[in-house]
Amino acid sequence: GSVAFEMAQQLEHVGEKVSLLAFIDTFHPQMNVRKVTMGMRFERLFDEGSAYLDEAVRGQLDRRRRRAQQARVAALLAEGAPIPAELRDVHLTQSFEAASAKYHPKPWRGAVTLFRAENVAYVFRGGGSTYGWSDVVLEGIEIVRVPGNHDTLLLEPSATILVRSLGKALALAQRDDACAERDDGA
C-alpha cells in the first residue's frame, strides 16, 4: 500500500492520471500503535476471558520465536552468508519494517479505497477506521470491510469477497474514466 501510494504520487507528478488507488489492509507507516498497559490487559481478560489468555500466550511464544529468528538473520547478514529459505520471510519483514519506518507520505490530492479487515488486532486500533491515512489522503477514503484479519484477508473465503469488491472498484473507476473522456470530447 505504501508503495502504491508513492507510485500514485510519482505518476501524477509526471502528468499521469491515477483512476484508482486501492489499499489492501494497509497501515500508515507512522500510524499510532496502542501501548498496552496492565489495566488494558486486565480489561481484555475480563471482557474476553480464556480467549485473551490463549492469544496472549500464543503471542508471547510467537514474539520469542521471531526474536530468535531475527537474531539468526542478523548474524547471517553480518557474516555475509546467504539467508536460508526458512528465514527469508523474516528477513523480508525486517527489511520492509525498516523501509516503512523511513517513509513519510506527503499529502495526496486524490481518493483511496481501503479494503480493510473486519477484525483488527487490538494494538492496531489506534489508527482509527482509516489506519491513519486520513491526514494525507485529501479527497477521502472509501472503506470496504472484508471478513477476516490482516493475515487471512488474502485467504478463502475472504479472498473471494476481496476480489469481487476490488473488481467493482476497478469497473467503477473505468466507467468514470470513460464518462470523463466522453465529456472532454464533447
C-alpha atoms as a PDB file:
ATOM      1  CA  GLY A   1       0.000   0.000   0.000  1.00  0.00           C
ATOM      2  CA  SER A   2       2.757   2.451   0.851  1.00  0.00           C
ATOM      3  CA  VAL A   3       4.497   1.607  -2.417  1.00  0.00           C
ATOM      4  CA  ALA A   4       1.233   2.097  -4.322  1.00  0.00           C
ATOM      5  CA  PHE A   5       0.710   5.438  -2.548  1.00  0.00           C
ATOM      6  CA  GLU A   6       4.154   6.678  -3.566  1.00  0.00           C
ATOM      7  CA  MET A   7       3.687   5.368  -7.124  1.00  0.00           C
ATOM      8  CA  ALA A   8       0.427   7.310  -7.396  1.00  0.00           C
ATOM      9  CA  GLN A   9       2.220  10.440  -6.198  1.00  0.00           C
ATOM     10  CA  GLN A  10       5.007   9.982  -8.749  1.00  0.00           C
ATOM     11  CA  LEU A  11       2.636   9.143 -11.614  1.00  0.00           C
ATOM     12  CA  GLU A  12       0.560  12.267 -11.025  1.00  0.00           C
ATOM     13  CA  HIS A  13       3.741  14.317 -10.702  1.00  0.00           C
ATOM     14  CA  VAL A  14       4.634  13.411 -14.305  1.00  0.00           C
ATOM     15  CA  GLY A  15       1.100  14.088 -15.558  1.00  0.00           C
ATOM     16  CA  GLU A  16      -0.439  10.624 -15.485  1.00  0.00           C
ATOM     17  CA  LYS A  17      -3.954  10.091 -14.153  1.00  0.00           C
ATOM     18  CA  VAL A  18      -4.475   7.656 -11.275  1.00  0.00           C
ATOM     19  CA  SER A  19      -8.035   6.390 -11.578  1.00  0.00           C
ATOM     20  CA  LEU A  20      -7.979   4.078  -8.580  1.00  0.00           C
ATOM     21  CA  LEU A  21      -5.645   3.847  -5.637  1.00  0.00           C
ATOM     22  CA  ALA A  22      -6.542   0.777  -3.599  1.00  0.00           C
ATOM     23  CA  PHE A  23      -5.024  -0.305  -0.306  1.00  0.00           C
ATOM     24  CA  ILE A  24      -5.406  -3.840   0.937  1.00  0.00           C
ATOM     25  CA  ASP A  25      -5.393  -3.538   4.730  1.00  0.00           C
ATOM     26  CA  THR A  26      -2.534  -1.031   4.628  1.00  0.00           C
ATOM     27  CA  PHE A  27      -1.489   0.786   7.783  1.00  0.00           C
ATOM     28  CA  HIS A  28       0.009   4.280   7.531  1.00  0.00           C
ATOM     29  CA  PRO A  29       3.763   3.853   8.227  1.00  0.00           C
ATOM     30  CA  GLN A  30       3.601   6.207  11.219  1.00  0.00           C
ATOM     31  CA  MET A  31       0.188   5.047  12.463  1.00  0.00           C
ATOM     32  CA  ASN A  32      -0.268   5.169  16.204  1.00  0.00           C
ATOM     33  CA  VAL A  33       0.163   1.728  17.682  1.00  0.00           C
ATOM     34  CA  ARG A  34      -1.574   1.377  21.005  1.00  0.00           C
ATOM     35  CA  LYS A  35       0.609   0.963  24.031  1.00  0.00           C
ATOM     36  CA  VAL A  36      -0.788  -1.887  26.079  1.00  0.00           C
ATOM     37  CA  THR A  37      -0.956  -1.166  29.793  1.00  0.00           C
ATOM     38  CA  MET A  38      -1.569  -3.637  32.579  1.00  0.00           C
ATOM     39  CA  GLY A  39      -5.020  -2.096  33.033  1.00  0.00           C
ATOM     40  CA  MET A  40      -5.830  -2.800  29.378  1.00  0.00           C
ATOM     41  CA  ARG A  41      -4.677  -6.378  29.803  1.00  0.00           C
ATOM     42  CA  PHE A  42      -6.977  -6.847  32.798  1.00  0.00           C
ATOM     43  CA  GLU A  43      -9.838  -5.242  30.895  1.00  0.00           C
ATOM     44  CA  ARG A  44      -9.340  -7.589  27.973  1.00  0.00           C
ATOM     45  CA  LEU A  45      -9.045 -10.552  30.329  1.00  0.00           C
ATOM     46  CA  PHE A  46     -12.350  -9.558  31.915  1.00  0.00           C
ATOM     47  CA  ASP A  47     -14.042  -8.999  28.522  1.00  0.00           C
ATOM     48  CA  GLU A  48     -12.561 -11.929  26.598  1.00  0.00           C
ATOM     49  CA  GLY A  49     -11.686 -14.462  29.296  1.00  0.00           C
ATOM     50  CA  SER A  50      -9.712 -17.522  28.258  1.00  0.00           C
ATOM     51  CA  ALA A  51      -9.656 -16.444  24.593  1.00  0.00           C
ATOM     52  CA  TYR A  52      -7.492 -13.493  25.624  1.00  0.00           C
ATOM     53  CA  LEU A  53      -5.200 -15.722  27.687  1.00  0.00           C
ATOM     54  CA  ASP A  54      -4.858 -18.059  24.724  1.00  0.00           C
ATOM     55  CA  GLU A  55      -3.987 -15.157  22.421  1.00  0.00           C
ATOM     56  CA  ALA A  56      -1.543 -13.666  24.945  1.00  0.00           C
ATOM     57  CA  VAL A  57       0.361 -16.926  25.404  1.00  0.00           C
ATOM     58  CA  ARG A  58       0.493 -17.631  21.663  1.00  0.00           C
ATOM     59  CA  GLY A  59       1.609 -14.053  21.049  1.00  0.00           C
ATOM     60  CA  GLN A  60       4.394 -14.286  23.611  1.00  0.00           C
ATOM     61  CA  LEU A  61       5.646 -17.558  22.111  1.00  0.00           C
ATOM     62  CA  ASP A  62       5.478 -16.079  18.585  1.00  0.00           C
ATOM     63  CA  ARG A  63       7.446 -12.990  19.671  1.00  0.00           C
ATOM     64  CA  ARG A  64      10.171 -15.138  21.266  1.00  0.00           C
ATOM     65  CA  ARG A  65      10.429 -17.304  18.154  1.00  0.00           C
ATOM     66  CA  ARG A  66      10.531 -14.206  15.930  1.00  0.00           C
ATOM     67  CA  ARG A  67      13.268 -12.559  18.041  1.00  0.00           C
ATOM     68  CA  ALA A  68      15.381 -15.712  17.792  1.00  0.00           C
ATOM     69  CA  GLN A  69      14.856 -15.805  14.020  1.00  0.00           C
ATOM     70  CA  GLN A  70      15.708 -12.104  13.707  1.00  0.00           C
ATOM     71  CA  ALA A  71      18.904 -12.639  15.687  1.00  0.00           C
ATOM     72  CA  ARG A  72      19.813 -15.515  13.367  1.00  0.00           C
ATOM     73  CA  VAL A  73      19.161 -13.354  10.279  1.00  0.00           C
ATOM     74  CA  ALA A  74      21.296 -10.538  11.721  1.00  0.00           C
ATOM     75  CA  ALA A  75      24.143 -12.984  12.403  1.00  0.00           C
ATOM     76  CA  LEU A  76      23.958 -14.385   8.867  1.00  0.00           C
ATOM     77  CA  LEU A  77      23.943 -10.898   7.352  1.00  0.00           C
ATOM     78  CA  ALA A  78      26.933  -9.884   9.494  1.00  0.00           C
ATOM     79  CA  GLU A  79      28.805 -12.934   8.203  1.00  0.00           C
ATOM     80  CA  GLY A  80      27.789 -12.182   4.619  1.00  0.00           C
ATOM     81  CA  ALA A  81      26.144 -15.592   4.489  1.00  0.00           C
ATOM     82  CA  PRO A  82      23.014 -16.313   2.436  1.00  0.00           C
ATOM     83  CA  ILE A  83      19.658 -16.279   4.196  1.00  0.00           C
ATOM     84  CA  PRO A  84      18.146 -19.790   4.169  1.00  0.00           C
ATOM     85  CA  ALA A  85      14.687 -20.243   2.674  1.00  0.00           C
ATOM     86  CA  GLU A  86      13.008 -20.746   6.051  1.00  0.00           C
ATOM     87  CA  LEU A  87      14.247 -17.319   7.225  1.00  0.00           C
ATOM     88  CA  ARG A  88      13.611 -15.305   4.057  1.00  0.00           C
ATOM     89  CA  ASP A  89      10.167 -14.189   5.181  1.00  0.00           C
ATOM     90  CA  VAL A  90      11.661 -12.942   8.463  1.00  0.00           C
ATOM     91  CA  HIS A  91      14.357 -11.059   6.540  1.00  0.00           C
ATOM     92  CA  LEU A  92      11.803  -9.610   4.118  1.00  0.00           C
ATOM     93  CA  THR A  93       9.599  -8.463   7.012  1.00  0.00           C
ATOM     94  CA  GLN A  94      12.565  -6.839   8.764  1.00  0.00           C
ATOM     95  CA  SER A  95      13.571  -5.039   5.565  1.00  0.00           C
ATOM     96  CA  PHE A  96      10.002  -3.878   4.947  1.00  0.00           C
ATOM     97  CA  GLU A  97       9.633  -2.584   8.511  1.00  0.00           C
ATOM     98  CA  ALA A  98      12.933  -0.686   8.289  1.00  0.00           C
ATOM     99  CA  ALA A  99      11.992   0.913   4.952  1.00  0.00           C
ATOM    100  CA  SER A 100       8.456   1.670   6.110  1.00  0.00           C
ATOM    101  CA  ALA A 101       9.699   3.455   9.227  1.00  0.00           C
ATOM    102  CA  LYS A 102      11.710   5.808   6.990  1.00  0.00           C
ATOM    103  CA  TYR A 103       8.843   6.588   4.613  1.00  0.00           C
ATOM    104  CA  HIS A 104       6.813   9.700   5.426  1.00  0.00           C
ATOM    105  CA  PRO A 105       3.920  10.028   2.970  1.00  0.00           C
ATOM    106  CA  LYS A 106       3.183  13.517   1.692  1.00  0.00           C
ATOM    107  CA  PRO A 107      -0.406  14.711   1.246  1.00  0.00           C
ATOM    108  CA  TRP A 108      -2.057  13.457  -1.924  1.00  0.00           C
ATOM    109  CA  ARG A 109      -4.899  15.202  -3.755  1.00  0.00           C
ATOM    110  CA  GLY A 110      -6.773  12.048  -4.511  1.00  0.00           C
ATOM    111  CA  ALA A 111      -9.036   9.434  -3.006  1.00  0.00           C
ATOM    112  CA  VAL A 112      -8.245   5.952  -1.763  1.00  0.00           C
ATOM    113  CA  THR A 113     -10.273   2.789  -1.492  1.00  0.00           C
ATOM    114  CA  LEU A 114      -9.170   0.893   1.613  1.00  0.00           C
ATOM    115  CA  PHE A 115     -10.067  -2.782   1.679  1.00  0.00           C
ATOM    116  CA  ARG A 116      -9.946  -3.229   5.439  1.00  0.00           C
ATOM    117  CA  ALA A 117     -10.091  -6.382   7.513  1.00  0.00           C
ATOM    118  CA  GLU A 118     -13.103  -6.559   9.828  1.00  0.00           C
ATOM    119  CA  ASN A 119     -11.011  -7.993  12.645  1.00  0.00           C
ATOM    120  CA  VAL A 120      -8.154  -5.715  13.631  1.00  0.00           C
ATOM    121  CA  ALA A 121      -5.553  -6.635  16.247  1.00  0.00           C
ATOM    122  CA  TYR A 122      -6.021  -4.623  19.424  1.00  0.00           C
ATOM    123  CA  VAL A 123      -2.709  -2.742  19.166  1.00  0.00           C
ATOM    124  CA  PHE A 124      -3.523  -1.537  15.622  1.00  0.00           C
ATOM    125  CA  ARG A 125      -6.875   0.007  16.511  1.00  0.00           C
ATOM    126  CA  GLY A 126      -5.145   3.311  17.347  1.00  0.00           C
ATOM    127  CA  GLY A 127      -5.142   4.327  13.674  1.00  0.00           C
ATOM    128  CA  GLY A 128      -8.912   4.516  13.525  1.00  0.00           C
ATOM    129  CA  SER A 129     -11.019   3.265  10.667  1.00  0.00           C
ATOM    130  CA  THR A 130      -8.617   4.664   8.045  1.00  0.00           C
ATOM    131  CA  TYR A 131      -5.494   3.199   9.684  1.00  0.00           C
ATOM    132  CA  GLY A 132      -4.048   6.703   9.968  1.00  0.00           C
ATOM    133  CA  TRP A 133      -4.274   7.676   6.270  1.00  0.00           C
ATOM    134  CA  SER A 134      -6.932  10.394   6.601  1.00  0.00           C
ATOM    135  CA  ASP A 135      -4.352  13.138   7.226  1.00  0.00           C
ATOM    136  CA  VAL A 136      -2.586  12.581   3.892  1.00  0.00           C
ATOM    137  CA  VAL A 137      -5.423  11.415   1.607  1.00  0.00           C
ATOM    138  CA  LEU A 138      -7.109  14.711   0.845  1.00  0.00           C
ATOM    139  CA  GLU A 139     -10.138  13.621  -1.212  1.00  0.00           C
ATOM    140  CA  GLY A 140     -11.397  10.949   1.126  1.00  0.00           C
ATOM    141  CA  ILE A 141     -11.093   7.289   1.888  1.00  0.00           C
ATOM    142  CA  GLU A 142     -13.757   4.774   0.971  1.00  0.00           C
ATOM    143  CA  ILE A 143     -13.613   1.864   3.379  1.00  0.00           C
ATOM    144  CA  VAL A 144     -14.663  -1.574   2.176  1.00  0.00           C
ATOM    145  CA  ARG A 145     -14.758  -4.071   5.028  1.00  0.00           C
ATOM    146  CA  VAL A 146     -13.657  -7.606   4.257  1.00  0.00           C
ATOM    147  CA  PRO A 147     -14.198 -10.544   6.631  1.00  0.00           C
ATOM    148  CA  GLY A 148     -11.113 -11.853   8.396  1.00  0.00           C
ATOM    149  CA  ASN A 149      -7.982 -10.280   9.788  1.00  0.00           C
ATOM    150  CA  HIS A 150      -4.756  -8.926   8.299  1.00  0.00           C
ATOM    151  CA  ASP A 151      -3.302 -12.417   7.958  1.00  0.00           C
ATOM    152  CA  THR A 152      -6.408 -14.083   6.465  1.00  0.00           C
ATOM    153  CA  LEU A 153      -7.611 -11.349   4.114  1.00  0.00           C
ATOM    154  CA  LEU A 154      -5.988 -12.982   1.086  1.00  0.00           C
ATOM    155  CA  LEU A 155      -7.134 -16.482   2.020  1.00  0.00           C
ATOM    156  CA  GLU A 156     -10.502 -18.065   1.303  1.00  0.00           C
ATOM    157  CA  PRO A 157     -13.275 -17.254   1.954  1.00  0.00           C
ATOM    158  CA  SER A 158     -12.150 -13.637   2.459  1.00  0.00           C
ATOM    159  CA  ALA A 159     -10.171 -13.572  -0.799  1.00  0.00           C
ATOM    160  CA  THR A 160     -13.278 -14.110  -2.917  1.00  0.00           C
ATOM    161  CA  ILE A 161     -15.047 -11.202  -1.230  1.00  0.00           C
ATOM    162  CA  LEU A 162     -11.949  -9.022  -1.578  1.00  0.00           C
ATOM    163  CA  VAL A 163     -11.554  -9.837  -5.288  1.00  0.00           C
ATOM    164  CA  ARG A 164     -15.234  -9.125  -6.002  1.00  0.00           C
ATOM    165  CA  SER A 165     -15.048  -5.802  -4.165  1.00  0.00           C
ATOM    166  CA  LEU A 166     -11.829  -4.827  -5.929  1.00  0.00           C
ATOM    167  CA  GLY A 167     -13.381  -5.789  -9.282  1.00  0.00           C
ATOM    168  CA  LYS A 168     -16.341  -3.487  -8.593  1.00  0.00           C
ATOM    169  CA  ALA A 169     -13.975  -0.627  -7.669  1.00  0.00           C
ATOM    170  CA  LEU A 170     -11.969  -1.155 -10.877  1.00  0.00           C
ATOM    171  CA  ALA A 171     -15.126  -1.264 -13.009  1.00  0.00           C
ATOM    172  CA  LEU A 172     -16.393   1.952 -11.395  1.00  0.00           C
ATOM    173  CA  ALA A 173     -13.046   3.694 -11.989  1.00  0.00           C
ATOM    174  CA  GLN A 174     -13.063   2.581 -15.653  1.00  0.00           C
ATOM    175  CA  ARG A 175     -16.655   3.763 -16.085  1.00  0.00           C
ATOM    176  CA  ASP A 176     -15.799   7.147 -14.552  1.00  0.00           C
ATOM    177  CA  ASP A 177     -12.781   7.448 -16.865  1.00  0.00           C
ATOM    178  CA  ALA A 178     -14.922   6.629 -19.913  1.00  0.00           C
ATOM    179  CA  CYS A 179     -17.512   9.228 -18.859  1.00  0.00           C
ATOM    180  CA  ALA A 180     -14.798  11.843 -18.342  1.00  0.00           C
ATOM    181  CA  GLU A 181     -13.341  11.096 -21.790  1.00  0.00           C
ATOM    182  CA  ARG A 182     -16.782  11.498 -23.424  1.00  0.00           C
ATOM    183  CA  ASP A 183     -17.327  14.767 -21.553  1.00  0.00           C
ATOM    184  CA  ASP A 184     -13.880  16.051 -22.638  1.00  0.00           C
ATOM    185  CA  GLY A 185     -14.527  15.084 -26.254  1.00  0.00           C
ATOM    186  CA  ALA A 186     -17.972  16.688 -26.418  1.00  0.00           C
END
